[in-house]
Structure formats: structure tokens, C-alpha cells
Amino acid sequence: MPISLIDRLFMILGAVAGLAGVAAAAAATHVTGGGTLSTAADFLLFHAPVLLAIAIADHVGLGRAGLLRLGGVLVVLGLIGFSGDLAMRALAGTPLFTMAAPTGGTLLMIAWVAIGLSALIPRRT
């Protein structure tokens, strides 16, 4: 069965998050000395496999598709807000936008709820 466009996007975005996480970890070690950039790297690296798992779960029919996909979108937006803000503060000394990190963190928490609910609510047939 061919993989859907949305699942391909989640796989690509998972790979991008992993790449960005490794790059941020290297920069945290060699440029900023750790701190908030290291936290941004950790969050990117922790959530990159989640995006890959969402793509696989959706492709093979595990969980409620809409909630899985919502969780994936929220993970992406949450990483942009949270990790993006921490990286901007560490590297440029300025926030991404007002309340970016708390908003991104909240989106990540909601994403985990959506992913969990996708396993509890039966898939439509």
C-alpha cells in the first residue's frame, strides 16, 4: 500500500527535527556551552522519532487517524515554538515571538494527549 502524503510529510519533518536536534546539540557543545540550546536539542531529538512513529502507526492503521495526525501537527508546531524560541534566545539573544516557548510547550503536551486518545478511540471503518 502506498504511503499517504501526510505520512510522508511526518517522516520528512521527523528527519528534519532529528537533523536540527543533532545540529543544535553540536552548537550547544561547541558554541554556547549548553544551556537553553541543549534543551532545544533534547526536545527536537526526543520528538523526532515520535513523528516517524505517527507516520508508521497511521500507515498501518493503528489508532484513530484524525487524532494521530492532529498529534503530529501539534508536535511540529510545538517544536517550532518551544525549540525555536530556545534556539533563538541562545543564538541571537532574542525570542522567536512573545510567549513562543510556553505556547510551544503547551502544544507539545496537547499533542501527547491527542496521540494517547488516538489509541483509545476506535478507528472509523
C-alpha atoms as a PDB file:
ATOM      1  CA  MET A   1       0.000   0.000   0.000  1.00  0.00           C
ATOM      2  CA  PRO A   2       1.482   3.397  -0.959  1.00  0.00           C
ATOM      3  CA  ILE A   3       2.208   5.788   1.867  1.00  0.00           C
ATOM      4  CA  SER A   4      -0.008   8.876   2.068  1.00  0.00           C
ATOM      5  CA  LEU A   5       1.260  12.408   1.577  1.00  0.00           C
ATOM      6  CA  ILE A   6       0.608  13.340   5.211  1.00  0.00           C
ATOM      7  CA  ASP A   7       2.571  10.320   6.430  1.00  0.00           C
ATOM      8  CA  ARG A   8       5.436  11.205   4.085  1.00  0.00           C
ATOM      9  CA  LEU A   9       5.393  14.744   5.485  1.00  0.00           C
ATOM     10  CA  PHE A  10       5.550  13.458   9.058  1.00  0.00           C
ATOM     11  CA  MET A  11       8.515  11.260   8.116  1.00  0.00           C
ATOM     12  CA  ILE A  12      10.292  14.171   6.435  1.00  0.00           C
ATOM     13  CA  LEU A  13       9.575  16.516   9.345  1.00  0.00           C
ATOM     14  CA  GLY A  14      10.767  13.849  11.783  1.00  0.00           C
ATOM     15  CA  ALA A  15      14.019  13.613   9.850  1.00  0.00           C
ATOM     16  CA  VAL A  16      14.347  17.416   9.809  1.00  0.00           C
ATOM     17  CA  ALA A  17      13.720  17.533  13.575  1.00  0.00           C
ATOM     18  CA  GLY A  18      16.398  14.888  14.097  1.00  0.00           C
ATOM     19  CA  LEU A  19      18.852  16.776  11.906  1.00  0.00           C
ATOM     20  CA  ALA A  20      18.101  20.056  13.681  1.00  0.00           C
ATOM     21  CA  GLY A  21      18.469  18.323  17.043  1.00  0.00           C
ATOM     22  CA  VAL A  22      21.920  16.969  16.209  1.00  0.00           C
ATOM     23  CA  ALA A  23      22.994  20.363  14.830  1.00  0.00           C
ATOM     24  CA  ALA A  24      21.660  22.163  17.914  1.00  0.00           C
ATOM     25  CA  ALA A  25      23.409  19.686  20.215  1.00  0.00           C
ATOM     26  CA  ALA A  26      26.694  20.295  18.408  1.00  0.00           C
ATOM     27  CA  ALA A  27      26.210  24.064  18.579  1.00  0.00           C
ATOM     28  CA  ALA A  28      25.284  23.820  22.256  1.00  0.00           C
ATOM     29  CA  THR A  29      28.506  21.961  22.951  1.00  0.00           C
ATOM     30  CA  HIS A  30      30.877  23.948  20.758  1.00  0.00           C
ATOM     31  CA  VAL A  31      29.321  27.433  20.557  1.00  0.00           C
ATOM     32  CA  THR A  32      27.089  28.291  23.504  1.00  0.00           C
ATOM     33  CA  GLY A  33      28.341  25.907  26.166  1.00  0.00           C
ATOM     34  CA  GLY A  34      24.995  24.153  26.666  1.00  0.00           C
ATOM     35  CA  GLY A  35      22.125  25.807  28.481  1.00  0.00           C
ATOM     36  CA  THR A  36      18.917  26.541  26.642  1.00  0.00           C
ATOM     37  CA  LEU A  37      20.258  25.411  23.270  1.00  0.00           C
ATOM     38  CA  SER A  38      20.959  21.997  24.761  1.00  0.00           C
ATOM     39  CA  THR A  39      17.349  21.822  25.958  1.00  0.00           C
ATOM     40  CA  ALA A  40      16.122  22.775  22.477  1.00  0.00           C
ATOM     41  CA  ALA A  41      18.271  19.989  21.016  1.00  0.00           C
ATOM     42  CA  ASP A  42      16.910  17.471  23.510  1.00  0.00           C
ATOM     43  CA  PHE A  43      13.309  18.287  22.659  1.00  0.00           C
ATOM     44  CA  LEU A  44      13.992  18.010  18.934  1.00  0.00           C
ATOM     45  CA  LEU A  45      15.744  14.677  19.375  1.00  0.00           C
ATOM     46  CA  PHE A  46      13.066  13.305  21.731  1.00  0.00           C
ATOM     47  CA  HIS A  47      10.224  14.214  19.373  1.00  0.00           C
ATOM     48  CA  ALA A  48      11.778  13.321  16.001  1.00  0.00           C
ATOM     49  CA  PRO A  49      11.067   9.585  16.475  1.00  0.00           C
ATOM     50  CA  VAL A  50       7.529  10.443  17.576  1.00  0.00           C
ATOM     51  CA  LEU A  51       6.832  11.940  14.148  1.00  0.00           C
ATOM     52  CA  LEU A  52       8.218   8.815  12.487  1.00  0.00           C
ATOM     53  CA  ALA A  53       6.089   6.613  14.760  1.00  0.00           C
ATOM     54  CA  ILE A  54       2.973   8.646  13.947  1.00  0.00           C
ATOM     55  CA  ALA A  55       3.592   8.147  10.229  1.00  0.00           C
ATOM     56  CA  ILE A  56       4.056   4.405  10.674  1.00  0.00           C
ATOM     57  CA  ALA A  57       1.072   3.998  13.012  1.00  0.00           C
ATOM     58  CA  ASP A  58      -1.174   5.941  10.658  1.00  0.00           C
ATOM     59  CA  HIS A  59       0.063   3.999   7.636  1.00  0.00           C
ATOM     60  CA  VAL A  60      -0.622   0.585   9.175  1.00  0.00           C
ATOM     61  CA  GLY A  61      -3.954   1.644  10.664  1.00  0.00           C
ATOM     62  CA  LEU A  62      -3.111   1.843  14.358  1.00  0.00           C
ATOM     63  CA  GLY A  63      -5.074   4.423  16.285  1.00  0.00           C
ATOM     64  CA  ARG A  64      -7.634   6.973  15.224  1.00  0.00           C
ATOM     65  CA  ALA A  65      -6.197   8.618  12.097  1.00  0.00           C
ATOM     66  CA  GLY A  66      -7.511  12.119  12.766  1.00  0.00           C
ATOM     67  CA  LEU A  67      -6.137  12.209  16.302  1.00  0.00           C
ATOM     68  CA  LEU A  68      -2.792  10.752  15.231  1.00  0.00           C
ATOM     69  CA  ARG A  69      -2.478  13.373  12.523  1.00  0.00           C
ATOM     70  CA  LEU A  70      -3.573  16.149  14.869  1.00  0.00           C
ATOM     71  CA  GLY A  71      -0.930  14.959  17.309  1.00  0.00           C
ATOM     72  CA  GLY A  72       1.681  15.085  14.554  1.00  0.00           C
ATOM     73  CA  VAL A  73       0.760  18.604  13.513  1.00  0.00           C
ATOM     74  CA  LEU A  74       0.829  19.748  17.133  1.00  0.00           C
ATOM     75  CA  VAL A  75       4.246  18.140  17.663  1.00  0.00           C
ATOM     76  CA  VAL A  76       5.612  20.052  14.670  1.00  0.00           C
ATOM     77  CA  LEU A  77       4.090  23.358  15.792  1.00  0.00           C
ATOM     78  CA  GLY A  78       5.167  22.745  19.382  1.00  0.00           C
ATOM     79  CA  LEU A  79       8.754  22.059  18.359  1.00  0.00           C
ATOM     80  CA  ILE A  80       8.852  25.198  16.245  1.00  0.00           C
ATOM     81  CA  GLY A  81       7.566  27.278  19.149  1.00  0.00           C
ATOM     82  CA  PHE A  82       9.459  25.684  22.020  1.00  0.00           C
ATOM     83  CA  SER A  83      12.766  24.621  20.497  1.00  0.00           C
ATOM     84  CA  GLY A  84      12.744  27.511  18.034  1.00  0.00           C
ATOM     85  CA  ASP A  85      12.366  30.037  20.837  1.00  0.00           C
ATOM     86  CA  LEU A  86      15.086  28.465  22.972  1.00  0.00           C
ATOM     87  CA  ALA A  87      17.447  28.328  19.985  1.00  0.00           C
ATOM     88  CA  MET A  88      16.739  31.954  19.041  1.00  0.00           C
ATOM     89  CA  ARG A  89      17.364  33.104  22.602  1.00  0.00           C
ATOM     90  CA  ALA A  90      20.617  31.124  22.805  1.00  0.00           C
ATOM     91  CA  LEU A  91      21.993  32.101  19.398  1.00  0.00           C
ATOM     92  CA  ALA A  92      20.512  35.541  18.686  1.00  0.00           C
ATOM     93  CA  GLY A  93      19.604  36.798  22.146  1.00  0.00           C
ATOM     94  CA  THR A  94      16.008  37.451  21.143  1.00  0.00           C
ATOM     95  CA  PRO A  95      12.798  35.442  21.454  1.00  0.00           C
ATOM     96  CA  LEU A  96      11.144  33.855  18.436  1.00  0.00           C
ATOM     97  CA  PHE A  97       7.963  35.719  19.408  1.00  0.00           C
ATOM     98  CA  THR A  98       6.268  36.619  22.682  1.00  0.00           C
ATOM     99  CA  MET A  99       5.279  33.502  24.649  1.00  0.00           C
ATOM    100  CA  ALA A 100       6.691  31.179  21.961  1.00  0.00           C
ATOM    101  CA  ALA A 101       8.259  28.680  24.373  1.00  0.00           C
ATOM    102  CA  PRO A 102       5.250  28.332  26.691  1.00  0.00           C
ATOM    103  CA  THR A 103       2.902  28.114  23.711  1.00  0.00           C
ATOM    104  CA  GLY A 104       5.103  25.517  22.044  1.00  0.00           C
ATOM    105  CA  GLY A 105       5.369  23.511  25.248  1.00  0.00           C
ATOM    106  CA  THR A 106       1.611  23.571  25.693  1.00  0.00           C
ATOM    107  CA  LEU A 107       1.127  22.391  22.104  1.00  0.00           C
ATOM    108  CA  LEU A 108       3.520  19.510  22.763  1.00  0.00           C
ATOM    109  CA  MET A 109       1.506  18.465  25.817  1.00  0.00           C
ATOM    110  CA  ILE A 110      -1.746  18.616  23.851  1.00  0.00           C
ATOM    111  CA  ALA A 111      -0.064  16.574  21.105  1.00  0.00           C
ATOM    112  CA  TRP A 112       0.698  13.800  23.581  1.00  0.00           C
ATOM    113  CA  VAL A 113      -2.939  13.812  24.723  1.00  0.00           C
ATOM    114  CA  ALA A 114      -4.133  13.531  21.101  1.00  0.00           C
ATOM    115  CA  ILE A 115      -1.708  10.676  20.416  1.00  0.00           C
ATOM    116  CA  GLY A 116      -2.870   8.843  23.538  1.00  0.00           C
ATOM    117  CA  LEU A 117      -6.532   9.370  22.701  1.00  0.00           C
ATOM    118  CA  SER A 118      -5.917   8.002  19.215  1.00  0.00           C
ATOM    119  CA  ALA A 119      -5.279   4.611  20.813  1.00  0.00           C
ATOM    120  CA  LEU A 120      -8.407   4.768  22.967  1.00  0.00           C
ATOM    121  CA  ILE A 121     -10.935   5.861  20.358  1.00  0.00           C
ATOM    122  CA  PRO A 122     -11.621   3.199  17.723  1.00  0.00           C
ATOM    123  CA  ARG A 123     -10.683   3.919  14.124  1.00  0.00           C
ATOM    124  CA  ARG A 124     -13.627   4.578  11.833  1.00  0.00           C
ATOM    125  CA  THR A 125     -14.259   1.811   9.332  1.00  0.00           C
END
